[in-house]
Amino acid sequence: MQVTVDIPDDVAERLKAAGGDLSRRALEALALEEYKQGRLTKPELRRLLGFGSRDALDGFLKTHGVFEPYSLDELARERRDLERLGF
């Protein structure tokens, strides 16, 4: 599916002046917001944005301030696992 967005010329020129591919930036902004709202899964987001690895997607998310929830229970579990392994 192809989506077209109409942007007034003066606004488009200012947005282009910020650098980067405006179409790509629009796609990333839409996809990121849909992911944050829970309407896209990580695999769907990765496919939509064309990232070749989970690490690339994780880097993209971190760059945009999106982090996986991490509870104190998870931290305690990981500490126990590391201690059990001798670390």
PDB file of N, CA and C in Angstrom:
ATOM      1  N   MET A   1       0.841  -1.172   0.000  1.00  0.00           N
ATOM      2  CA  MET A   1       0.000   0.000   0.000  1.00  0.00           C
ATOM      3  C   MET A   1       0.886   1.235   0.000  1.00  0.00           C
ATOM      4  N   GLN A   2       0.484   2.190  -0.723  1.00  0.00           N
ATOM      5  CA  GLN A   2       1.205   3.447  -0.764  1.00  0.00           C
ATOM      6  C   GLN A   2       0.307   4.517  -0.165  1.00  0.00           C
ATOM      7  N   VAL A   3       0.864   5.357   0.698  1.00  0.00           N
ATOM      8  CA  VAL A   3       0.126   6.438   1.342  1.00  0.00           C
ATOM      9  C   VAL A   3       0.753   7.759   0.923  1.00  0.00           C
ATOM     10  N   THR A   4      -0.093   8.705   0.568  1.00  0.00           N
ATOM     11  CA  THR A   4       0.373  10.030   0.169  1.00  0.00           C
ATOM     12  C   THR A   4      -0.075  11.041   1.206  1.00  0.00           C
ATOM     13  N   VAL A   5       0.842  11.924   1.589  1.00  0.00           N
ATOM     14  CA  VAL A   5       0.538  12.966   2.560  1.00  0.00           C
ATOM     15  C   VAL A   5       0.754  14.314   1.888  1.00  0.00           C
ATOM     16  N   ASP A   6      -0.247  15.172   1.955  1.00  0.00           N
ATOM     17  CA  ASP A   6      -0.128  16.517   1.401  1.00  0.00           C
ATOM     18  C   ASP A   6       0.382  17.460   2.472  1.00  0.00           C
ATOM     19  N   ILE A   7       1.504  18.105   2.177  1.00  0.00           N
ATOM     20  CA  ILE A   7       2.120  19.065   3.093  1.00  0.00           C
ATOM     21  C   ILE A   7       2.276  20.376   2.334  1.00  0.00           C
ATOM     22  N   PRO A   8       1.848  21.484   2.934  1.00  0.00           N
ATOM     23  CA  PRO A   8       2.040  22.771   2.260  1.00  0.00           C
ATOM     24  C   PRO A   8       3.510  22.959   1.879  1.00  0.00           C
ATOM     25  N   ASP A   9       3.735  23.561   0.720  1.00  0.00           N
ATOM     26  CA  ASP A   9       5.091  23.714   0.191  1.00  0.00           C
ATOM     27  C   ASP A   9       6.044  24.393   1.160  1.00  0.00           C
ATOM     28  N   ASP A  10       5.597  25.471   1.816  1.00  0.00           N
ATOM     29  CA  ASP A  10       6.503  26.189   2.724  1.00  0.00           C
ATOM     30  C   ASP A  10       6.902  25.315   3.915  1.00  0.00           C
ATOM     31  N   VAL A  11       5.959  24.535   4.413  1.00  0.00           N
ATOM     32  CA  VAL A  11       6.256  23.642   5.537  1.00  0.00           C
ATOM     33  C   VAL A  11       7.184  22.520   5.064  1.00  0.00           C
ATOM     34  N   ALA A  12       6.902  21.964   3.892  1.00  0.00           N
ATOM     35  CA  ALA A  12       7.731  20.895   3.350  1.00  0.00           C
ATOM     36  C   ALA A  12       9.170  21.361   3.164  1.00  0.00           C
ATOM     37  N   GLU A  13       9.366  22.574   2.711  1.00  0.00           N
ATOM     38  CA  GLU A  13      10.713  23.113   2.510  1.00  0.00           C
ATOM     39  C   GLU A  13      11.463  23.223   3.843  1.00  0.00           C
ATOM     40  N   ARG A  14      10.775  23.681   4.878  1.00  0.00           N
ATOM     41  CA  ARG A  14      11.427  23.769   6.190  1.00  0.00           C
ATOM     42  C   ARG A  14      11.767  22.386   6.722  1.00  0.00           C
ATOM     43  N   LEU A  15      10.863  21.428   6.523  1.00  0.00           N
ATOM     44  CA  LEU A  15      11.118  20.068   6.994  1.00  0.00           C
ATOM     45  C   LEU A  15      12.275  19.440   6.226  1.00  0.00           C
ATOM     46  N   LYS A  16      12.339  19.680   4.930  1.00  0.00           N
ATOM     47  CA  LYS A  16      13.448  19.157   4.126  1.00  0.00           C
ATOM     48  C   LYS A  16      14.770  19.767   4.566  1.00  0.00           C
ATOM     49  N   ALA A  17      14.732  21.050   4.943  1.00  0.00           N
ATOM     50  CA  ALA A  17      15.955  21.744   5.351  1.00  0.00           C
ATOM     51  C   ALA A  17      16.567  21.117   6.603  1.00  0.00           C
ATOM     52  N   ALA A  18      15.744  20.425   7.395  1.00  0.00           N
ATOM     53  CA  ALA A  18      16.248  19.772   8.605  1.00  0.00           C
ATOM     54  C   ALA A  18      17.148  18.592   8.260  1.00  0.00           C
ATOM     55  N   GLY A  19      17.089  18.147   7.017  1.00  0.00           N
ATOM     56  CA  GLY A  19      17.952  17.060   6.566  1.00  0.00           C
ATOM     57  C   GLY A  19      17.260  15.721   6.556  1.00  0.00           C
ATOM     58  N   GLY A  20      17.873  14.797   5.866  1.00  0.00           N
ATOM     59  CA  GLY A  20      17.335  13.445   5.783  1.00  0.00           C
ATOM     60  C   GLY A  20      16.204  13.343   4.768  1.00  0.00           C
ATOM     61  N   ASP A  21      15.835  12.125   4.511  1.00  0.00           N
ATOM     62  CA  ASP A  21      14.771  11.818   3.571  1.00  0.00           C
ATOM     63  C   ASP A  21      13.428  12.038   4.261  1.00  0.00           C
ATOM     64  N   LEU A  22      12.684  13.026   3.790  1.00  0.00           N
ATOM     65  CA  LEU A  22      11.425  13.390   4.425  1.00  0.00           C
ATOM     66  C   LEU A  22      10.425  12.231   4.406  1.00  0.00           C
ATOM     67  N   SER A  23      10.386  11.470   3.337  1.00  0.00           N
ATOM     68  CA  SER A  23       9.479  10.320   3.270  1.00  0.00           C
ATOM     69  C   SER A  23       9.849   9.288   4.324  1.00  0.00           C
ATOM     70  N   ARG A  24      11.138   9.035   4.477  1.00  0.00           N
ATOM     71  CA  ARG A  24      11.592   8.064   5.480  1.00  0.00           C
ATOM     72  C   ARG A  24      11.285   8.557   6.889  1.00  0.00           C
ATOM     73  N   ARG A  25      11.519   9.836   7.122  1.00  0.00           N
ATOM     74  CA  ARG A  25      11.221  10.397   8.444  1.00  0.00           C
ATOM     75  C   ARG A  25       9.741  10.295   8.769  1.00  0.00           C
ATOM     76  N   ALA A  26       8.889  10.522   7.789  1.00  0.00           N
ATOM     77  CA  ALA A  26       7.444  10.415   8.010  1.00  0.00           C
ATOM     78  C   ALA A  26       7.058   8.969   8.313  1.00  0.00           C
ATOM     79  N   LEU A  27       7.630   8.030   7.561  1.00  0.00           N
ATOM     80  CA  LEU A  27       7.357   6.617   7.804  1.00  0.00           C
ATOM     81  C   LEU A  27       7.800   6.216   9.205  1.00  0.00           C
ATOM     82  N   GLU A  28       9.003   6.619   9.592  1.00  0.00           N
ATOM     83  CA  GLU A  28       9.515   6.273  10.910  1.00  0.00           C
ATOM     84  C   GLU A  28       8.651   6.867  12.016  1.00  0.00           C
ATOM     85  N   ALA A  29       8.226   8.105  11.840  1.00  0.00           N
ATOM     86  CA  ALA A  29       7.399   8.756  12.858  1.00  0.00           C
ATOM     87  C   ALA A  29       6.060   8.036  13.009  1.00  0.00           C
ATOM     88  N   LEU A  30       5.441   7.698  11.892  1.00  0.00           N
ATOM     89  CA  LEU A  30       4.167   6.978  11.936  1.00  0.00           C
ATOM     90  C   LEU A  30       4.342   5.605  12.569  1.00  0.00           C
ATOM     91  N   ALA A  31       5.333   4.872  12.113  1.00  0.00           N
ATOM     92  CA  ALA A  31       5.554   3.520  12.609  1.00  0.00           C
ATOM     93  C   ALA A  31       5.891   3.530  14.105  1.00  0.00           C
ATOM     94  N   LEU A  32       6.716   4.461  14.525  1.00  0.00           N
ATOM     95  CA  LEU A  32       7.097   4.552  15.926  1.00  0.00           C
ATOM     96  C   LEU A  32       5.883   4.847  16.805  1.00  0.00           C
ATOM     97  N   GLU A  33       5.057   5.770  16.376  1.00  0.00           N
ATOM     98  CA  GLU A  33       3.865   6.103  17.160  1.00  0.00           C
ATOM     99  C   GLU A  33       2.901   4.917  17.226  1.00  0.00           C
ATOM    100  N   GLU A  34       2.727   4.219  16.126  1.00  0.00           N
ATOM    101  CA  GLU A  34       1.845   3.050  16.121  1.00  0.00           C
ATOM    102  C   GLU A  34       2.388   1.956  17.038  1.00  0.00           C
ATOM    103  N   TYR A  35       3.700   1.796  17.077  1.00  0.00           N
ATOM    104  CA  TYR A  35       4.321   0.823  17.980  1.00  0.00           C
ATOM    105  C   TYR A  35       4.085   1.223  19.435  1.00  0.00           C
ATOM    106  N   LYS A  36       4.304   2.501  19.743  1.00  0.00           N
ATOM    107  CA  LYS A  36       4.098   2.978  21.112  1.00  0.00           C
ATOM    108  C   LYS A  36       2.648   2.792  21.567  1.00  0.00           C
ATOM    109  N   GLN A  37       1.720   2.926  20.643  1.00  0.00           N
ATOM    110  CA  GLN A  37       0.300   2.779  20.972  1.00  0.00           C
ATOM    111  C   GLN A  37      -0.132   1.316  21.020  1.00  0.00           C
ATOM    112  N   GLY A  38       0.792   0.410  20.689  1.00  0.00           N
ATOM    113  CA  GLY A  38       0.484  -1.015  20.754  1.00  0.00           C
ATOM    114  C   GLY A  38      -0.223  -1.564  19.532  1.00  0.00           C
ATOM    115  N   ARG A  39      -0.212  -0.805  18.452  1.00  0.00           N
ATOM    116  CA  ARG A  39      -0.874  -1.260  17.224  1.00  0.00           C
ATOM    117  C   ARG A  39       0.063  -1.970  16.261  1.00  0.00           C
ATOM    118  N   LEU A  40       1.356  -1.953  16.578  1.00  0.00           N
ATOM    119  CA  LEU A  40       2.358  -2.707  15.813  1.00  0.00           C
ATOM    120  C   LEU A  40       3.201  -3.514  16.785  1.00  0.00           C
ATOM    121  N   THR A  41       3.534  -4.725  16.404  1.00  0.00           N
ATOM    122  CA  THR A  41       4.450  -5.539  17.196  1.00  0.00           C
ATOM    123  C   THR A  41       5.881  -5.211  16.777  1.00  0.00           C
ATOM    124  N   LYS A  42       6.848  -5.676  17.563  1.00  0.00           N
ATOM    125  CA  LYS A  42       8.249  -5.466  17.175  1.00  0.00           C
ATOM    126  C   LYS A  42       8.562  -6.103  15.820  1.00  0.00           C
ATOM    127  N   PRO A  43       8.128  -7.349  15.573  1.00  0.00           N
ATOM    128  CA  PRO A  43       8.412  -7.913  14.248  1.00  0.00           C
ATOM    129  C   PRO A  43       7.772  -7.103  13.104  1.00  0.00           C
ATOM    130  N   GLU A  44       6.571  -6.598  13.322  1.00  0.00           N
ATOM    131  CA  GLU A  44       5.922  -5.786  12.288  1.00  0.00           C
ATOM    132  C   GLU A  44       6.672  -4.479  12.079  1.00  0.00           C
ATOM    133  N   LEU A  45       7.093  -3.855  13.178  1.00  0.00           N
ATOM    134  CA  LEU A  45       7.846  -2.611  13.081  1.00  0.00           C
ATOM    135  C   LEU A  45       9.162  -2.834  12.350  1.00  0.00           C
ATOM    136  N   ARG A  46       9.825  -3.914  12.684  1.00  0.00           N
ATOM    137  CA  ARG A  46      11.101  -4.244  12.027  1.00  0.00           C
ATOM    138  C   ARG A  46      10.902  -4.429  10.524  1.00  0.00           C
ATOM    139  N   ARG A  47       9.865  -5.150  10.160  1.00  0.00           N
ATOM    140  CA  ARG A  47       9.583  -5.395   8.732  1.00  0.00           C
ATOM    141  C   ARG A  47       9.204  -4.102   8.025  1.00  0.00           C
ATOM    142  N   LEU A  48       8.356  -3.301   8.658  1.00  0.00           N
ATOM    143  CA  LEU A  48       7.898  -2.049   8.058  1.00  0.00           C
ATOM    144  C   LEU A  48       9.059  -1.101   7.795  1.00  0.00           C
ATOM    145  N   LEU A  49      10.012  -1.059   8.740  1.00  0.00           N
ATOM    146  CA  LEU A  49      11.137  -0.141   8.587  1.00  0.00           C
ATOM    147  C   LEU A  49      12.338  -0.751   7.870  1.00  0.00           C
ATOM    148  N   GLY A  50      12.261  -2.058   7.579  1.00  0.00           N
ATOM    149  CA  GLY A  50      13.306  -2.701   6.795  1.00  0.00           C
ATOM    150  C   GLY A  50      14.596  -2.962   7.546  1.00  0.00           C
ATOM    151  N   PHE A  51      14.522  -3.135   8.859  1.00  0.00           N
ATOM    152  CA  PHE A  51      15.724  -3.443   9.620  1.00  0.00           C
ATOM    153  C   PHE A  51      16.060  -4.912   9.474  1.00  0.00           C
ATOM    154  N   GLY A  52      17.337  -5.210   9.248  1.00  0.00           N
ATOM    155  CA  GLY A  52      17.770  -6.579   9.011  1.00  0.00           C
ATOM    156  C   GLY A  52      17.984  -7.408  10.261  1.00  0.00           C
ATOM    157  N   SER A  53      17.984  -6.748  11.426  1.00  0.00           N
ATOM    158  CA  SER A  53      18.221  -7.501  12.657  1.00  0.00           C
ATOM    159  C   SER A  53      17.446  -6.879  13.806  1.00  0.00           C
ATOM    160  N   ARG A  54      17.275  -7.676  14.864  1.00  0.00           N
ATOM    161  CA  ARG A  54      16.627  -7.154  16.069  1.00  0.00           C
ATOM    162  C   ARG A  54      17.486  -6.077  16.712  1.00  0.00           C
ATOM    163  N   ASP A  55      18.808  -6.239  16.635  1.00  0.00           N
ATOM    164  CA  ASP A  55      19.706  -5.233  17.207  1.00  0.00           C
ATOM    165  C   ASP A  55      19.528  -3.878  16.531  1.00  0.00           C
ATOM    166  N   ALA A  56      19.367  -3.886  15.218  1.00  0.00           N
ATOM    167  CA  ALA A  56      19.160  -2.630  14.492  1.00  0.00           C
ATOM    168  C   ALA A  56      17.860  -1.966  14.943  1.00  0.00           C
ATOM    169  N   LEU A  57      16.818  -2.768  15.114  1.00  0.00           N
ATOM    170  CA  LEU A  57      15.543  -2.215  15.585  1.00  0.00           C
ATOM    171  C   LEU A  57      15.685  -1.692  17.006  1.00  0.00           C
ATOM    172  N   ASP A  58      16.349  -2.443  17.875  1.00  0.00           N
ATOM    173  CA  ASP A  58      16.539  -1.995  19.250  1.00  0.00           C
ATOM    174  C   ASP A  58      17.313  -0.678  19.291  1.00  0.00           C
ATOM    175  N   GLY A  59      18.320  -0.542  18.438  1.00  0.00           N
ATOM    176  CA  GLY A  59      19.064   0.717  18.359  1.00  0.00           C
ATOM    177  C   GLY A  59      18.181   1.870  17.929  1.00  0.00           C
ATOM    178  N   PHE A  60      17.330   1.623  16.939  1.00  0.00           N
ATOM    179  CA  PHE A  60      16.380   2.643  16.476  1.00  0.00           C
ATOM    180  C   PHE A  60      15.461   3.066  17.617  1.00  0.00           C
ATOM    181  N   LEU A  61      14.919   2.080  18.337  1.00  0.00           N
ATOM    182  CA  LEU A  61      13.997   2.388  19.433  1.00  0.00           C
ATOM    183  C   LEU A  61      14.700   3.188  20.531  1.00  0.00           C
ATOM    184  N   LYS A  62      15.914   2.792  20.881  1.00  0.00           N
ATOM    185  CA  LYS A  62      16.649   3.511  21.927  1.00  0.00           C
ATOM    186  C   LYS A  62      16.968   4.931  21.487  1.00  0.00           C
ATOM    187  N   THR A  63      17.324   5.098  20.226  1.00  0.00           N
ATOM    188  CA  THR A  63      17.602   6.432  19.701  1.00  0.00           C
ATOM    189  C   THR A  63      16.391   7.348  19.856  1.00  0.00           C
ATOM    190  N   HIS A  64      15.205   6.745  19.794  1.00  0.00           N
ATOM    191  CA  HIS A  64      13.963   7.520  19.902  1.00  0.00           C
ATOM    192  C   HIS A  64      13.349   7.451  21.306  1.00  0.00           C
ATOM    193  N   GLY A  65      14.149   7.020  22.274  1.00  0.00           N
ATOM    194  CA  GLY A  65      13.697   7.043  23.668  1.00  0.00           C
ATOM    195  C   GLY A  65      12.649   6.009  24.028  1.00  0.00           C
ATOM    196  N   VAL A  66      12.597   4.919  23.270  1.00  0.00           N
ATOM    197  CA  VAL A  66      11.635   3.850  23.563  1.00  0.00           C
ATOM    198  C   VAL A  66      12.406   2.672  24.134  1.00  0.00           C
ATOM    199  N   PHE A  67      12.136   2.360  25.388  1.00  0.00           N
ATOM    200  CA  PHE A  67      12.837   1.289  26.077  1.00  0.00           C
ATOM    201  C   PHE A  67      11.848   0.236  26.529  1.00  0.00           C
ATOM    202  N   GLU A  68      12.303  -0.995  26.570  1.00  0.00           N
ATOM    203  CA  GLU A  68      11.471  -2.103  27.044  1.00  0.00           C
ATOM    204  C   GLU A  68      11.229  -1.938  28.536  1.00  0.00           C
ATOM    205  N   PRO A  69      10.022  -2.249  28.991  1.00  0.00           N
ATOM    206  CA  PRO A  69       9.794  -2.201  30.438  1.00  0.00           C
ATOM    207  C   PRO A  69      10.691  -3.223  31.148  1.00  0.00           C
ATOM    208  N   TYR A  70      11.227  -2.851  32.283  1.00  0.00           N
ATOM    209  CA  TYR A  70      12.153  -3.710  33.015  1.00  0.00           C
ATOM    210  C   TYR A  70      11.842  -3.541  34.496  1.00  0.00           C
ATOM    211  N   SER A  71      11.313  -4.581  35.100  1.00  0.00           N
ATOM    212  CA  SER A  71      10.857  -4.492  36.490  1.00  0.00           C
ATOM    213  C   SER A  71      11.966  -4.897  37.470  1.00  0.00           C
ATOM    214  N   LEU A  72      11.731  -4.576  38.726  1.00  0.00           N
ATOM    215  CA  LEU A  72      12.662  -4.992  39.777  1.00  0.00           C
ATOM    216  C   LEU A  72      12.693  -6.514  39.892  1.00  0.00           C
ATOM    217  N   ASP A  73      11.567  -7.164  39.651  1.00  0.00           N
ATOM    218  CA  ASP A  73      11.535  -8.629  39.675  1.00  0.00           C
ATOM    219  C   ASP A  73      12.446  -9.217  38.607  1.00  0.00           C
ATOM    220  N   GLU A  74      12.445  -8.605  37.421  1.00  0.00           N
ATOM    221  CA  GLU A  74      13.328  -9.081  36.353  1.00  0.00           C
ATOM    222  C   GLU A  74      14.794  -8.877  36.720  1.00  0.00           C
ATOM    223  N   LEU A  75      15.095  -7.748  37.332  1.00  0.00           N
ATOM    224  CA  LEU A  75      16.461  -7.485  37.772  1.00  0.00           C
ATOM    225  C   LEU A  75      16.902  -8.524  38.800  1.00  0.00           C
ATOM    226  N   ALA A  76      16.042  -8.813  39.769  1.00  0.00           N
ATOM    227  CA  ALA A  76      16.371  -9.803  40.803  1.00  0.00           C
ATOM    228  C   ALA A  76      16.584 -11.182  40.181  1.00  0.00           C
ATOM    229  N   ARG A  77      15.745 -11.553  39.218  1.00  0.00           N
ATOM    230  CA  ARG A  77      15.883 -12.847  38.547  1.00  0.00           C
ATOM    231  C   ARG A  77      17.212 -12.922  37.807  1.00  0.00           C
ATOM    232  N   GLU A  78      17.566 -11.862  37.104  1.00  0.00           N
ATOM    233  CA  GLU A  78      18.828 -11.857  36.370  1.00  0.00           C
ATOM    234  C   GLU A  78      20.025 -11.908  37.317  1.00  0.00           C
ATOM    235  N   ARG A  79      19.940 -11.235  38.449  1.00  0.00           N
ATOM    236  CA  ARG A  79      21.033 -11.293  39.436  1.00  0.00           C
ATOM    237  C   ARG A  79      21.201 -12.710  39.962  1.00  0.00           C
ATOM    238  N   ARG A  80      20.079 -13.363  40.274  1.00  0.00           N
ATOM    239  CA  ARG A  80      20.153 -14.757  40.757  1.00  0.00           C
ATOM    240  C   ARG A  80      20.770 -15.658  39.697  1.00  0.00           C
ATOM    241  N   ASP A  81      20.365 -15.469  38.456  1.00  0.00           N
ATOM    242  CA  ASP A  81      20.911 -16.293  37.367  1.00  0.00           C
ATOM    243  C   ASP A  81      22.415 -16.083  37.229  1.00  0.00           C
ATOM    244  N   LEU A  82      22.864 -14.825  37.307  1.00  0.00           N
ATOM    245  CA  LEU A  82      24.286 -14.537  37.186  1.00  0.00           C
ATOM    246  C   LEU A  82      25.074 -15.122  38.356  1.00  0.00           C
ATOM    247  N   GLU A  83      24.506 -15.005  39.548  1.00  0.00           N
ATOM    248  CA  GLU A  83      25.172 -15.572  40.721  1.00  0.00           C
ATOM    249  C   GLU A  83      25.272 -17.104  40.597  1.00  0.00           C
ATOM    250  N   ARG A  84      24.217 -17.716  40.100  1.00  0.00           N
ATOM    251  CA  ARG A  84      24.223 -19.166  39.914  1.00  0.00           C
ATOM    252  C   ARG A  84      25.293 -19.590  38.903  1.00  0.00           C
ATOM    253  N   LEU A  85      25.556 -18.729  37.934  1.00  0.00           N
ATOM    254  CA  LEU A  85      26.577 -19.007  36.923  1.00  0.00           C
ATOM    255  C   LEU A  85      27.977 -18.633  37.392  1.00  0.00           C
ATOM    256  N   GLY A  86      28.077 -18.027  38.592  1.00  0.00           N
ATOM    257  CA  GLY A  86      29.380 -17.714  39.146  1.00  0.00           C
ATOM    258  C   GLY A  86      29.870 -16.311  38.860  1.00  0.00           C
ATOM    259  N   PHE A  87      28.985 -15.460  38.465  1.00  0.00           N
ATOM    260  CA  PHE A  87      29.389 -14.061  38.195  1.00  0.00           C
ATOM    261  C   PHE A  87      29.057 -13.171  39.355  1.00  0.00           C
TER     262      PHE A  87
END
